[in-house]
Protein backbone atom coordinates (compact mmCIF):
# COMPACT_ATOMS: atom_id res chain seq x y z
CA MET A 1 -35.92 50.68 31.19
CA ILE A 2 -39.18 50.76 29.38
CA ASP A 3 -42.04 48.43 30.60
CA THR A 4 -42.97 46.54 27.35
CA GLU A 5 -45.86 44.72 28.94
CA GLN A 6 -47.27 48.21 29.80
CA ILE A 7 -47.03 49.20 26.18
CA LEU A 8 -48.39 46.04 24.77
CA ASN A 9 -51.54 46.28 26.98
CA ASP A 10 -51.96 50.16 26.26
CA LYS A 11 -55.05 50.20 23.97
CA ASP A 12 -54.55 53.93 23.31
CA PHE A 13 -51.07 53.18 21.86
CA PHE A 14 -52.67 50.75 19.27
CA LYS A 15 -55.53 53.11 18.52
CA SER A 16 -52.98 55.77 17.44
CA PHE A 17 -52.50 53.69 14.30
CA LYS A 18 -55.22 54.10 11.68
CA ASN A 19 -54.33 51.13 9.36
CA ALA A 20 -51.48 48.71 8.81
CA THR A 21 -49.44 51.14 6.89
CA ASP A 22 -49.20 53.40 9.90
CA LEU A 23 -48.09 50.44 11.81
CA GLU A 24 -45.63 49.45 9.37
CA SER A 25 -44.26 52.82 9.20
CA PHE A 26 -43.78 53.12 12.86
CA PHE A 27 -41.92 49.67 13.02
CA LYS A 28 -39.61 50.73 10.19
CA LYS A 29 -38.73 54.04 12.13
CA LEU A 30 -38.26 51.97 15.39
CA HIS A 31 -35.98 49.48 13.68
CA LYS A 32 -33.86 52.24 12.09
CA LYS A 33 -33.56 54.17 15.24
CA ALA A 34 -32.62 51.03 17.23
CA VAL A 35 -29.95 50.02 14.70
CA GLU A 36 -28.49 53.64 14.70
CA GLN A 37 -28.42 53.69 18.50
CA MET A 38 -26.72 50.12 18.54
CA LEU A 39 -24.13 51.16 15.93
CA GLU A 40 -23.39 54.37 17.79
CA ALA A 41 -22.78 52.48 20.98
CA GLU A 42 -20.66 50.08 19.20
CA LEU A 43 -18.51 53.02 17.69
CA ASP A 44 -18.31 54.28 21.10
CA THR A 45 -16.93 51.16 22.51
CA HIS A 46 -14.49 50.61 19.70
CA LEU A 47 -13.12 54.26 19.92
CA ASP A 48 -13.27 54.17 23.82
CA THR A 49 -14.66 57.78 23.54
CA GLU A 50 -18.38 59.17 23.17
CA LYS A 51 -19.40 61.59 20.47
CA HIS A 52 -17.66 65.04 21.03
CA GLN A 53 -15.54 63.83 23.84
CA ARG A 54 -11.66 64.46 23.86
CA THR A 55 -9.67 61.29 23.24
CA LYS A 56 -6.65 60.36 25.26
CA ASP A 57 -4.32 61.81 22.81
CA GLY A 58 -5.95 65.25 22.62
CA ASN A 59 -8.27 64.79 19.56
CA TYR A 60 -11.96 65.10 19.37
CA ARG A 61 -14.14 62.56 17.94
CA LYS A 62 -16.04 64.22 15.17
CA GLY A 63 -14.25 67.52 16.09
CA ILE A 64 -13.70 70.54 13.89
CA PHE A 65 -9.92 70.65 14.39
CA PRO A 66 -7.43 68.73 12.46
CA LYS A 67 -5.90 65.82 13.98
CA LYS A 68 -2.65 66.26 16.12
């Protein structure tokens, strides 16, 4: 797990943003990535398989072969 306190106290991290637009862009990218990861995890749980993993009935999730 990431130590958020360490990031929040890292002056070099904040110096990497030149202006408010850079910071806003970073937060938008972070938010997008977080939502994508949460949706992917929800889909894994719902389908009971991870991406490219064979299902119980022999199909692949997001595979190239037709369904059996």
